[in-house]
């Protein structure tokens, strides 16, 4: 009997004998607060709780990430907008859940710019075809400016080069995400508007997989959805854990982490809305001058996230 008792104790500590965590690989483009819940899930052991050994991989190019997903080199992608052009062309990619439901960018400007309309005739740094280009156009449209005629765009990929270009007087404004926006503030620039305040239902980051993976391994998918949902909820309910995660994984100073968290805390929403995904689709279509060929409901599957939310609410 003592042997049986010993075995039970060992199993309670280490899990089922012979059981191994299932590898799962998720891709994100850059170390950015919009992917905070995925890293909180890693830090708090939510993947392991689901029997998953998670590897979060930085894949800068959206095209490369899509190819890796379709080739089963990765299982999930955490971005929402960048893969939409591929989805519109028929790529088998389905949005499952959401991490951040508002854009994380701020319009950073030189001190002489007092309001958005002061940008008329100015040069704005963007990454052509990317979210900064789409977001910049969306802001200008919101303030009744002509995004095609009222400003000049300068292609400057990357955040640090944009800040350097502002310091050199090459551009007067740029959309920056945390922590780069705070770096810009320290460099003497200012936050003109926070896009999270302007666009309060925009599916900005989430969880997507192929329809093939969903069909062939639904329980694997649901476990990943549950880990991400737990990450979103924990990030929302335990700010200090979220701040510590940013400091640890992204080497951010505490004041930078606090500022970044305050920008997104109201946007930690795990269930996307069709309207929010449509707005992100609009951003992408404007940035790339493309017409969406598929309605968003065709590439959304919210069964798992709704099931998980219902199960968690009952506990």
C-alpha atoms as a PDB file:
ATOM      1  CA  UNK A   1       0.000   0.000   0.000  1.00  0.00           C
ATOM      2  CA  UNK A   2       2.838   2.378   0.787  1.00  0.00           C
ATOM      3  CA  UNK A   3       4.111   1.939  -2.764  1.00  0.00           C
ATOM      4  CA  UNK A   4       0.735   2.885  -4.201  1.00  0.00           C
ATOM      5  CA  UNK A   5       0.613   5.916  -1.935  1.00  0.00           C
ATOM      6  CA  UNK A   6       4.093   6.943  -3.039  1.00  0.00           C
ATOM      7  CA  UNK A   7       3.155   6.623  -6.703  1.00  0.00           C
ATOM      8  CA  UNK A   8       0.061   8.770  -6.158  1.00  0.00           C
ATOM      9  CA  UNK A   9       2.153  11.457  -4.491  1.00  0.00           C
ATOM     10  CA  UNK A  10       4.643  11.437  -7.365  1.00  0.00           C
ATOM     11  CA  UNK A  11       1.858  11.658  -9.938  1.00  0.00           C
ATOM     12  CA  UNK A  12       0.241  14.539  -8.085  1.00  0.00           C
ATOM     13  CA  UNK A  13       3.519  16.448  -8.298  1.00  0.00           C
ATOM     14  CA  UNK A  14       4.714  15.588 -11.774  1.00  0.00           C
ATOM     15  CA  UNK A  15       1.520  14.754 -13.608  1.00  0.00           C
ATOM     16  CA  UNK A  16       0.478  11.560 -15.321  1.00  0.00           C
ATOM     17  CA  UNK A  17       3.369   9.121 -15.742  1.00  0.00           C
ATOM     18  CA  UNK A  18       4.760   9.206 -19.226  1.00  0.00           C
ATOM     19  CA  UNK A  19       2.665  12.220 -20.201  1.00  0.00           C
ATOM     20  CA  UNK A  20       4.546  14.856 -22.144  1.00  0.00           C
ATOM     21  CA  UNK A  21       3.487  18.389 -22.906  1.00  0.00           C
ATOM     22  CA  UNK A  22       2.439  18.832 -26.525  1.00  0.00           C
ATOM     23  CA  UNK A  23       4.591  21.357 -28.419  1.00  0.00           C
ATOM     24  CA  UNK A  24       2.790  24.426 -29.709  1.00  0.00           C
ATOM     25  CA  UNK A  25       4.360  27.243 -31.697  1.00  0.00           C
ATOM     26  CA  UNK A  26       2.831  30.696 -32.034  1.00  0.00           C
ATOM     27  CA  UNK A  27       4.194  33.573 -34.111  1.00  0.00           C
ATOM     28  CA  UNK A  28       4.132  37.287 -33.386  1.00  0.00           C
ATOM     29  CA  UNK A  29       5.793  40.069 -35.428  1.00  0.00           C
ATOM     30  CA  UNK A  30       7.574  42.034 -32.693  1.00  0.00           C
ATOM     31  CA  UNK A  31       7.878  42.522 -28.933  1.00  0.00           C
ATOM     32  CA  UNK A  32       4.840  44.706 -28.486  1.00  0.00           C
ATOM     33  CA  UNK A  33       2.229  45.280 -25.806  1.00  0.00           C
ATOM     34  CA  UNK A  34      -0.503  44.093 -28.180  1.00  0.00           C
ATOM     35  CA  UNK A  35       0.803  40.545 -27.619  1.00  0.00           C
ATOM     36  CA  UNK A  36       1.055  40.912 -23.830  1.00  0.00           C
ATOM     37  CA  UNK A  37      -1.557  38.230 -22.965  1.00  0.00           C
ATOM     38  CA  UNK A  38       0.391  35.565 -24.878  1.00  0.00           C
ATOM     39  CA  UNK A  39       3.466  36.298 -22.752  1.00  0.00           C
ATOM     40  CA  UNK A  40       1.471  36.517 -19.523  1.00  0.00           C
ATOM     41  CA  UNK A  41       0.078  33.068 -20.364  1.00  0.00           C
ATOM     42  CA  UNK A  42       3.656  31.847 -20.713  1.00  0.00           C
ATOM     43  CA  UNK A  43       4.813  33.478 -17.485  1.00  0.00           C
ATOM     44  CA  UNK A  44       1.859  32.243 -15.410  1.00  0.00           C
ATOM     45  CA  UNK A  45       1.975  28.676 -16.756  1.00  0.00           C
ATOM     46  CA  UNK A  46      -1.364  28.743 -18.554  1.00  0.00           C
ATOM     47  CA  UNK A  47      -0.028  26.805 -21.552  1.00  0.00           C
ATOM     48  CA  UNK A  48       1.451  24.144 -19.280  1.00  0.00           C
ATOM     49  CA  UNK A  49      -1.870  23.895 -17.454  1.00  0.00           C
ATOM     50  CA  UNK A  50      -3.355  22.889 -20.801  1.00  0.00           C
ATOM     51  CA  UNK A  51      -0.634  20.298 -21.432  1.00  0.00           C
ATOM     52  CA  UNK A  52       1.115  22.537 -23.952  1.00  0.00           C
ATOM     53  CA  UNK A  53       4.800  23.370 -24.236  1.00  0.00           C
ATOM     54  CA  UNK A  54       4.599  26.783 -25.863  1.00  0.00           C
ATOM     55  CA  UNK A  55       7.233  28.432 -28.017  1.00  0.00           C
ATOM     56  CA  UNK A  56       6.539  32.049 -28.944  1.00  0.00           C
ATOM     57  CA  UNK A  57       8.437  32.923 -32.100  1.00  0.00           C
ATOM     58  CA  UNK A  58       9.095  36.389 -33.531  1.00  0.00           C
ATOM     59  CA  UNK A  59       8.387  36.388 -37.278  1.00  0.00           C
ATOM     60  CA  UNK A  60       8.689  39.929 -38.588  1.00  0.00           C
ATOM     61  CA  UNK A  61       7.194  39.373 -42.042  1.00  0.00           C
ATOM     62  CA  UNK A  62       3.449  38.718 -42.248  1.00  0.00           C
ATOM     63  CA  UNK A  63       3.965  36.812 -45.512  1.00  0.00           C
ATOM     64  CA  UNK A  64       6.545  34.551 -43.860  1.00  0.00           C
ATOM     65  CA  UNK A  65       4.250  33.956 -40.882  1.00  0.00           C
ATOM     66  CA  UNK A  66       1.363  33.009 -43.166  1.00  0.00           C
ATOM     67  CA  UNK A  67       3.569  30.621 -45.142  1.00  0.00           C
ATOM     68  CA  UNK A  68       4.825  29.039 -41.914  1.00  0.00           C
ATOM     69  CA  UNK A  69       1.262  28.628 -40.638  1.00  0.00           C
ATOM     70  CA  UNK A  70      -0.005  27.079 -43.865  1.00  0.00           C
ATOM     71  CA  UNK A  71       3.058  24.819 -43.947  1.00  0.00           C
ATOM     72  CA  UNK A  72       2.405  23.681 -40.350  1.00  0.00           C
ATOM     73  CA  UNK A  73       5.778  24.991 -39.195  1.00  0.00           C
ATOM     74  CA  UNK A  74       3.863  27.014 -36.645  1.00  0.00           C
ATOM     75  CA  UNK A  75       0.417  26.252 -35.236  1.00  0.00           C
ATOM     76  CA  UNK A  76      -0.955  29.732 -34.507  1.00  0.00           C
ATOM     77  CA  UNK A  77      -0.391  33.380 -35.318  1.00  0.00           C
ATOM     78  CA  UNK A  78      -1.181  36.180 -32.888  1.00  0.00           C
ATOM     79  CA  UNK A  79      -1.683  39.090 -35.293  1.00  0.00           C
ATOM     80  CA  UNK A  80      -5.020  39.874 -36.944  1.00  0.00           C
ATOM     81  CA  UNK A  81      -4.647  42.471 -39.694  1.00  0.00           C
ATOM     82  CA  UNK A  82      -1.422  41.550 -41.515  1.00  0.00           C
ATOM     83  CA  UNK A  83      -2.694  38.152 -42.687  1.00  0.00           C
ATOM     84  CA  UNK A  84      -5.994  39.508 -44.034  1.00  0.00           C
ATOM     85  CA  UNK A  85      -4.781  40.059 -47.624  1.00  0.00           C
ATOM     86  CA  UNK A  86      -3.810  36.370 -47.744  1.00  0.00           C
ATOM     87  CA  UNK A  87      -7.184  35.418 -46.263  1.00  0.00           C
ATOM     88  CA  UNK A  88      -8.967  37.477 -48.910  1.00  0.00           C
ATOM     89  CA  UNK A  89      -7.098  35.504 -51.561  1.00  0.00           C
ATOM     90  CA  UNK A  90      -8.359  32.250 -50.066  1.00  0.00           C
ATOM     91  CA  UNK A  91      -5.722  31.299 -47.490  1.00  0.00           C
ATOM     92  CA  UNK A  92      -7.120  28.823 -44.959  1.00  0.00           C
ATOM     93  CA  UNK A  93      -6.741  31.035 -41.866  1.00  0.00           C
ATOM     94  CA  UNK A  94      -9.410  31.418 -39.191  1.00  0.00           C
ATOM     95  CA  UNK A  95      -9.568  33.952 -36.344  1.00  0.00           C
ATOM     96  CA  UNK A  96     -10.352  32.200 -33.061  1.00  0.00           C
ATOM     97  CA  UNK A  97      -9.994  34.757 -30.266  1.00  0.00           C
ATOM     98  CA  UNK A  98      -8.757  38.225 -29.452  1.00  0.00           C
ATOM     99  CA  UNK A  99      -6.079  39.601 -27.139  1.00  0.00           C
ATOM    100  CA  UNK A 100      -6.247  43.367 -27.634  1.00  0.00           C
ATOM    101  CA  UNK A 101      -9.436  44.934 -28.980  1.00  0.00           C
ATOM    102  CA  UNK A 102      -8.080  48.405 -29.727  1.00  0.00           C
ATOM    103  CA  UNK A 103      -5.075  49.722 -31.662  1.00  0.00           C
ATOM    104  CA  UNK A 104      -1.998  50.179 -29.484  1.00  0.00           C
ATOM    105  CA  UNK A 105      -0.459  53.025 -31.490  1.00  0.00           C
ATOM    106  CA  UNK A 106      -0.075  56.648 -30.482  1.00  0.00           C
ATOM    107  CA  UNK A 107       0.506  59.504 -32.918  1.00  0.00           C
ATOM    108  CA  UNK A 108       3.811  60.941 -31.761  1.00  0.00           C
ATOM    109  CA  UNK A 109       4.651  64.430 -33.016  1.00  0.00           C
ATOM    110  CA  UNK A 110       7.166  67.225 -32.735  1.00  0.00           C
ATOM    111  CA  UNK A 111       6.366  69.836 -30.029  1.00  0.00           C
ATOM    112  CA  UNK A 112       5.036  72.401 -32.519  1.00  0.00           C
ATOM    113  CA  UNK A 113       2.093  70.182 -33.521  1.00  0.00           C
ATOM    114  CA  UNK A 114      -0.893  71.048 -31.326  1.00  0.00           C
ATOM    115  CA  UNK A 115      -3.742  69.210 -33.039  1.00  0.00           C
ATOM    116  CA  UNK A 116      -4.222  66.603 -35.753  1.00  0.00           C
ATOM    117  CA  UNK A 117      -5.146  69.177 -38.392  1.00  0.00           C
ATOM    118  CA  UNK A 118      -1.748  70.830 -37.806  1.00  0.00           C
ATOM    119  CA  UNK A 119      -0.275  67.835 -39.665  1.00  0.00           C
ATOM    120  CA  UNK A 120      -1.471  69.290 -42.965  1.00  0.00           C
ATOM    121  CA  UNK A 121       1.531  69.698 -45.226  1.00  0.00           C
ATOM    122  CA  UNK A 122       3.787  67.774 -42.830  1.00  0.00           C
ATOM    123  CA  UNK A 123       5.790  64.588 -43.352  1.00  0.00           C
ATOM    124  CA  UNK A 124       4.721  61.445 -41.522  1.00  0.00           C
ATOM    125  CA  UNK A 125       6.847  58.329 -41.156  1.00  0.00           C
ATOM    126  CA  UNK A 126       5.085  55.069 -41.998  1.00  0.00           C
ATOM    127  CA  UNK A 127       5.790  51.503 -43.032  1.00  0.00           C
ATOM    128  CA  UNK A 128       4.026  51.218 -46.390  1.00  0.00           C
ATOM    129  CA  UNK A 129       1.477  48.418 -46.415  1.00  0.00           C
ATOM    130  CA  UNK A 130       1.673  47.998 -42.644  1.00  0.00           C
ATOM    131  CA  UNK A 131      -0.502  48.880 -39.680  1.00  0.00           C
ATOM    132  CA  UNK A 132       1.167  52.266 -39.136  1.00  0.00           C
ATOM    133  CA  UNK A 133       0.232  53.306 -42.669  1.00  0.00           C
ATOM    134  CA  UNK A 134      -3.348  52.084 -42.220  1.00  0.00           C
ATOM    135  CA  UNK A 135      -3.675  53.678 -38.782  1.00  0.00           C
ATOM    136  CA  UNK A 136      -2.283  57.014 -39.956  1.00  0.00           C
ATOM    137  CA  UNK A 137      -4.811  57.177 -42.772  1.00  0.00           C
ATOM    138  CA  UNK A 138      -7.620  56.230 -40.381  1.00  0.00           C
ATOM    139  CA  UNK A 139      -6.702  59.050 -37.984  1.00  0.00           C
ATOM    140  CA  UNK A 140      -6.547  61.628 -40.775  1.00  0.00           C
ATOM    141  CA  UNK A 141      -9.910  60.492 -42.145  1.00  0.00           C
ATOM    142  CA  UNK A 142     -11.443  60.738 -38.664  1.00  0.00           C
ATOM    143  CA  UNK A 143     -10.338  64.377 -38.452  1.00  0.00           C
ATOM    144  CA  UNK A 144     -11.792  65.181 -41.893  1.00  0.00           C
ATOM    145  CA  UNK A 145      -8.413  65.403 -43.611  1.00  0.00           C
ATOM    146  CA  UNK A 146      -7.580  63.939 -46.999  1.00  0.00           C
ATOM    147  CA  UNK A 147      -5.017  61.194 -46.296  1.00  0.00           C
ATOM    148  CA  UNK A 148      -3.918  61.143 -49.932  1.00  0.00           C
ATOM    149  CA  UNK A 149      -3.312  64.881 -50.381  1.00  0.00           C
ATOM    150  CA  UNK A 150      -2.946  66.671 -47.052  1.00  0.00           C
ATOM    151  CA  UNK A 151       0.280  65.026 -45.840  1.00  0.00           C
ATOM    152  CA  UNK A 152       3.451  63.489 -47.230  1.00  0.00           C
ATOM    153  CA  UNK A 153       4.414  59.931 -46.315  1.00  0.00           C
ATOM    154  CA  UNK A 154       7.993  58.852 -45.807  1.00  0.00           C
ATOM    155  CA  UNK A 155       8.660  55.113 -45.771  1.00  0.00           C
ATOM    156  CA  UNK A 156      10.641  54.313 -42.623  1.00  0.00           C
ATOM    157  CA  UNK A 157      10.301  50.675 -41.490  1.00  0.00           C
ATOM    158  CA  UNK A 158      10.886  50.084 -37.796  1.00  0.00           C
ATOM    159  CA  UNK A 159      10.213  52.180 -34.712  1.00  0.00           C
ATOM    160  CA  UNK A 160      13.664  53.375 -33.704  1.00  0.00           C
ATOM    161  CA  UNK A 161      14.405  54.703 -37.221  1.00  0.00           C
ATOM    162  CA  UNK A 162      11.152  56.699 -37.047  1.00  0.00           C
ATOM    163  CA  UNK A 163      12.239  58.328 -33.781  1.00  0.00           C
ATOM    164  CA  UNK A 164      15.648  59.085 -35.275  1.00  0.00           C
ATOM    165  CA  UNK A 165      13.972  60.643 -38.329  1.00  0.00           C
ATOM    166  CA  UNK A 166      11.918  62.901 -36.049  1.00  0.00           C
ATOM    167  CA  UNK A 167      15.072  63.949 -34.209  1.00  0.00           C
ATOM    168  CA  UNK A 168      16.722  64.801 -37.527  1.00  0.00           C
ATOM    169  CA  UNK A 169      13.727  66.795 -38.749  1.00  0.00           C
ATOM    170  CA  UNK A 170      13.056  64.412 -41.649  1.00  0.00           C
ATOM    171  CA  UNK A 171       9.507  63.792 -40.425  1.00  0.00           C
ATOM    172  CA  UNK A 172       7.235  65.569 -37.968  1.00  0.00           C
ATOM    173  CA  UNK A 173       5.052  62.638 -36.891  1.00  0.00           C
ATOM    174  CA  UNK A 174       4.795  58.859 -36.713  1.00  0.00           C
ATOM    175  CA  UNK A 175       2.562  56.213 -35.223  1.00  0.00           C
ATOM    176  CA  UNK A 176       4.483  54.351 -32.535  1.00  0.00           C
ATOM    177  CA  UNK A 177       3.506  51.487 -30.272  1.00  0.00           C
ATOM    178  CA  UNK A 178       4.705  50.879 -26.721  1.00  0.00           C
ATOM    179  CA  UNK A 179       7.445  50.986 -25.621  1.00  0.00           C
ATOM    180  CA  UNK A 180       8.706  53.149 -28.514  1.00  0.00           C
ATOM    181  CA  UNK A 181       6.095  55.856 -27.929  1.00  0.00           C
ATOM    182  CA  UNK A 182       7.413  56.367 -24.411  1.00  0.00           C
ATOM    183  CA  UNK A 183      10.983  56.455 -25.728  1.00  0.00           C
ATOM    184  CA  UNK A 184       9.841  59.242 -28.060  1.00  0.00           C
ATOM    185  CA  UNK A 185       8.349  61.160 -25.125  1.00  0.00           C
ATOM    186  CA  UNK A 186      11.666  60.920 -23.294  1.00  0.00           C
ATOM    187  CA  UNK A 187      13.364  62.227 -26.428  1.00  0.00           C
ATOM    188  CA  UNK A 188      11.262  65.410 -26.292  1.00  0.00           C
ATOM    189  CA  UNK A 189       8.311  64.511 -28.515  1.00  0.00           C
ATOM    190  CA  UNK A 190       4.690  64.266 -27.437  1.00  0.00           C
ATOM    191  CA  UNK A 191       1.702  61.992 -27.741  1.00  0.00           C
ATOM    192  CA  UNK A 192      -0.869  63.842 -29.829  1.00  0.00           C
ATOM    193  CA  UNK A 193      -3.555  61.136 -29.749  1.00  0.00           C
ATOM    194  CA  UNK A 194      -3.804  57.573 -28.523  1.00  0.00           C
ATOM    195  CA  UNK A 195      -5.574  55.477 -31.151  1.00  0.00           C
ATOM    196  CA  UNK A 196      -7.070  53.257 -28.447  1.00  0.00           C
ATOM    197  CA  UNK A 197      -9.182  56.265 -27.446  1.00  0.00           C
ATOM    198  CA  UNK A 198     -10.303  56.882 -31.014  1.00  0.00           C
ATOM    199  CA  UNK A 199     -11.070  53.350 -32.225  1.00  0.00           C
ATOM    200  CA  UNK A 200     -12.559  51.466 -29.288  1.00  0.00           C
ATOM    201  CA  UNK A 201     -13.575  48.296 -31.122  1.00  0.00           C
ATOM    202  CA  UNK A 202     -10.768  47.223 -33.432  1.00  0.00           C
ATOM    203  CA  UNK A 203      -9.545  43.648 -33.392  1.00  0.00           C
ATOM    204  CA  UNK A 204      -5.824  44.333 -33.151  1.00  0.00           C
ATOM    205  CA  UNK A 205      -4.251  41.095 -31.956  1.00  0.00           C
ATOM    206  CA  UNK A 206      -5.649  37.652 -31.320  1.00  0.00           C
ATOM    207  CA  UNK A 207      -5.265  33.998 -32.126  1.00  0.00           C
ATOM    208  CA  UNK A 208      -5.623  32.395 -35.547  1.00  0.00           C
ATOM    209  CA  UNK A 209      -5.059  28.903 -36.933  1.00  0.00           C
ATOM    210  CA  UNK A 210      -5.752  27.079 -40.158  1.00  0.00           C
ATOM    211  CA  UNK A 211      -9.154  25.587 -40.786  1.00  0.00           C
ATOM    212  CA  UNK A 212      -7.346  22.281 -41.309  1.00  0.00           C
ATOM    213  CA  UNK A 213      -5.884  22.363 -37.794  1.00  0.00           C
ATOM    214  CA  UNK A 214      -9.257  23.288 -36.313  1.00  0.00           C
ATOM    215  CA  UNK A 215     -10.969  20.423 -38.106  1.00  0.00           C
ATOM    216  CA  UNK A 216      -8.319  17.780 -37.406  1.00  0.00           C
ATOM    217  CA  UNK A 217      -7.444  18.683 -33.808  1.00  0.00           C
ATOM    218  CA  UNK A 218     -10.241  20.716 -32.199  1.00  0.00           C
ATOM    219  CA  UNK A 219      -9.220  19.855 -28.620  1.00  0.00           C
ATOM    220  CA  UNK A 220      -5.670  21.060 -29.258  1.00  0.00           C
ATOM    221  CA  UNK A 221      -7.124  24.313 -30.573  1.00  0.00           C
ATOM    222  CA  UNK A 222      -9.505  24.713 -27.644  1.00  0.00           C
ATOM    223  CA  UNK A 223      -6.665  24.214 -25.148  1.00  0.00           C
ATOM    224  CA  UNK A 224      -4.686  26.964 -26.843  1.00  0.00           C
ATOM    225  CA  UNK A 225      -7.723  29.245 -26.905  1.00  0.00           C
ATOM    226  CA  UNK A 226      -8.236  28.637 -23.186  1.00  0.00           C
ATOM    227  CA  UNK A 227      -4.589  29.476 -22.405  1.00  0.00           C
ATOM    228  CA  UNK A 228      -4.831  32.737 -24.363  1.00  0.00           C
ATOM    229  CA  UNK A 229      -8.162  33.679 -22.782  1.00  0.00           C
ATOM    230  CA  UNK A 230      -6.670  33.094 -19.337  1.00  0.00           C
ATOM    231  CA  UNK A 231      -3.750  35.300 -20.384  1.00  0.00           C
ATOM    232  CA  UNK A 232      -6.111  38.095 -21.429  1.00  0.00           C
ATOM    233  CA  UNK A 233      -8.179  37.904 -18.256  1.00  0.00           C
ATOM    234  CA  UNK A 234      -5.128  37.697 -15.993  1.00  0.00           C
ATOM    235  CA  UNK A 235      -3.527  40.666 -17.745  1.00  0.00           C
ATOM    236  CA  UNK A 236      -6.697  42.643 -17.149  1.00  0.00           C
ATOM    237  CA  UNK A 237      -7.249  41.621 -13.531  1.00  0.00           C
ATOM    238  CA  UNK A 238      -3.649  41.598 -12.298  1.00  0.00           C
ATOM    239  CA  UNK A 239      -1.876  44.697 -13.646  1.00  0.00           C
ATOM    240  CA  UNK A 240       1.294  44.126 -11.638  1.00  0.00           C
ATOM    241  CA  UNK A 241       1.787  40.672 -13.163  1.00  0.00           C
ATOM    242  CA  UNK A 242       1.356  42.180 -16.633  1.00  0.00           C
ATOM    243  CA  UNK A 243       3.851  44.941 -15.863  1.00  0.00           C
ATOM    244  CA  UNK A 244       6.380  42.461 -14.468  1.00  0.00           C
ATOM    245  CA  UNK A 245       5.977  40.312 -17.590  1.00  0.00           C
ATOM    246  CA  UNK A 246       6.859  43.251 -19.839  1.00  0.00           C
ATOM    247  CA  UNK A 247       9.853  44.100 -17.704  1.00  0.00           C
ATOM    248  CA  UNK A 248      11.110  40.509 -17.760  1.00  0.00           C
ATOM    249  CA  UNK A 249      10.471  39.430 -21.349  1.00  0.00           C
ATOM    250  CA  UNK A 250      10.994  42.713 -23.168  1.00  0.00           C
ATOM    251  CA  UNK A 251      13.579  44.342 -20.876  1.00  0.00           C
ATOM    252  CA  UNK A 252      11.324  47.375 -20.425  1.00  0.00           C
ATOM    253  CA  UNK A 253      11.858  49.841 -17.598  1.00  0.00           C
ATOM    254  CA  UNK A 254       9.067  49.973 -15.042  1.00  0.00           C
ATOM    255  CA  UNK A 255       7.817  53.454 -15.992  1.00  0.00           C
ATOM    256  CA  UNK A 256       7.684  52.389 -19.648  1.00  0.00           C
ATOM    257  CA  UNK A 257       5.803  49.206 -18.748  1.00  0.00           C
ATOM    258  CA  UNK A 258       3.267  51.094 -16.630  1.00  0.00           C
ATOM    259  CA  UNK A 259       2.647  53.602 -19.406  1.00  0.00           C
ATOM    260  CA  UNK A 260       2.205  50.797 -21.954  1.00  0.00           C
ATOM    261  CA  UNK A 261      -0.172  48.878 -19.721  1.00  0.00           C
ATOM    262  CA  UNK A 262      -2.342  51.923 -19.073  1.00  0.00           C
ATOM    263  CA  UNK A 263      -2.779  52.375 -22.821  1.00  0.00           C
ATOM    264  CA  UNK A 264      -4.199  48.879 -23.343  1.00  0.00           C
ATOM    265  CA  UNK A 265      -5.836  47.877 -20.054  1.00  0.00           C
ATOM    266  CA  UNK A 266      -9.337  48.757 -21.289  1.00  0.00           C
ATOM    267  CA  UNK A 267      -8.741  46.785 -24.501  1.00  0.00           C
ATOM    268  CA  UNK A 268      -8.028  43.388 -22.914  1.00  0.00           C
ATOM    269  CA  UNK A 269     -11.094  41.688 -24.387  1.00  0.00           C
ATOM    270  CA  UNK A 270     -10.900  37.997 -25.419  1.00  0.00           C
ATOM    271  CA  UNK A 271     -13.957  37.801 -27.678  1.00  0.00           C
ATOM    272  CA  UNK A 272     -13.743  39.820 -30.895  1.00  0.00           C
ATOM    273  CA  UNK A 273     -16.784  41.421 -32.497  1.00  0.00           C
ATOM    274  CA  UNK A 274     -17.584  41.234 -36.180  1.00  0.00           C
ATOM    275  CA  UNK A 275     -17.538  45.039 -36.242  1.00  0.00           C
ATOM    276  CA  UNK A 276     -14.055  45.098 -34.713  1.00  0.00           C
ATOM    277  CA  UNK A 277     -12.682  42.647 -37.264  1.00  0.00           C
ATOM    278  CA  UNK A 278     -14.374  44.580 -40.074  1.00  0.00           C
ATOM    279  CA  UNK A 279     -12.645  47.777 -38.936  1.00  0.00           C
ATOM    280  CA  UNK A 280      -9.259  46.053 -38.995  1.00  0.00           C
ATOM    281  CA  UNK A 281     -10.096  44.727 -42.456  1.00  0.00           C
ATOM    282  CA  UNK A 282     -10.909  48.282 -43.527  1.00  0.00           C
ATOM    283  CA  UNK A 283      -7.546  49.483 -42.232  1.00  0.00           C
ATOM    284  CA  UNK A 284      -5.751  46.844 -44.260  1.00  0.00           C
ATOM    285  CA  UNK A 285      -7.739  47.548 -47.405  1.00  0.00           C
ATOM    286  CA  UNK A 286      -6.982  51.273 -47.146  1.00  0.00           C
ATOM    287  CA  UNK A 287      -3.284  50.719 -46.495  1.00  0.00           C
ATOM    288  CA  UNK A 288      -2.848  48.299 -49.383  1.00  0.00           C
ATOM    289  CA  UNK A 289      -5.436  49.812 -51.719  1.00  0.00           C
ATOM    290  CA  UNK A 290      -7.191  46.455 -51.874  1.00  0.00           C
ATOM    291  CA  UNK A 291     -10.846  45.560 -51.798  1.00  0.00           C
ATOM    292  CA  UNK A 292     -11.734  42.833 -49.276  1.00  0.00           C
ATOM    293  CA  UNK A 293     -13.035  39.837 -51.207  1.00  0.00           C
ATOM    294  CA  UNK A 294     -14.566  37.944 -48.285  1.00  0.00           C
ATOM    295  CA  UNK A 295     -16.880  38.972 -45.436  1.00  0.00           C
ATOM    296  CA  UNK A 296     -15.210  38.651 -42.033  1.00  0.00           C
ATOM    297  CA  UNK A 297     -17.736  36.101 -40.779  1.00  0.00           C
ATOM    298  CA  UNK A 298     -16.228  33.624 -43.258  1.00  0.00           C
ATOM    299  CA  UNK A 299     -12.873  33.683 -41.468  1.00  0.00           C
ATOM    300  CA  UNK A 300     -14.040  33.866 -37.854  1.00  0.00           C
ATOM    301  CA  UNK A 301     -14.799  30.869 -35.651  1.00  0.00           C
ATOM    302  CA  UNK A 302     -15.771  31.936 -32.150  1.00  0.00           C
ATOM    303  CA  UNK A 303     -17.124  28.584 -30.928  1.00  0.00           C
ATOM    304  CA  UNK A 304     -14.082  27.818 -28.805  1.00  0.00           C
ATOM    305  CA  UNK A 305     -13.659  31.223 -27.194  1.00  0.00           C
ATOM    306  CA  UNK A 306     -17.339  31.399 -26.299  1.00  0.00           C
ATOM    307  CA  UNK A 307     -17.232  27.889 -24.823  1.00  0.00           C
ATOM    308  CA  UNK A 308     -14.123  28.770 -22.806  1.00  0.00           C
ATOM    309  CA  UNK A 309     -15.641  32.006 -21.521  1.00  0.00           C
ATOM    310  CA  UNK A 310     -18.787  30.166 -20.455  1.00  0.00           C
ATOM    311  CA  UNK A 311     -16.754  27.465 -18.684  1.00  0.00           C
ATOM    312  CA  UNK A 312     -14.572  29.979 -16.876  1.00  0.00           C
ATOM    313  CA  UNK A 313     -17.562  32.028 -15.744  1.00  0.00           C
ATOM    314  CA  UNK A 314     -19.048  28.924 -14.099  1.00  0.00           C
ATOM    315  CA  UNK A 315     -15.939  28.332 -11.975  1.00  0.00           C
END
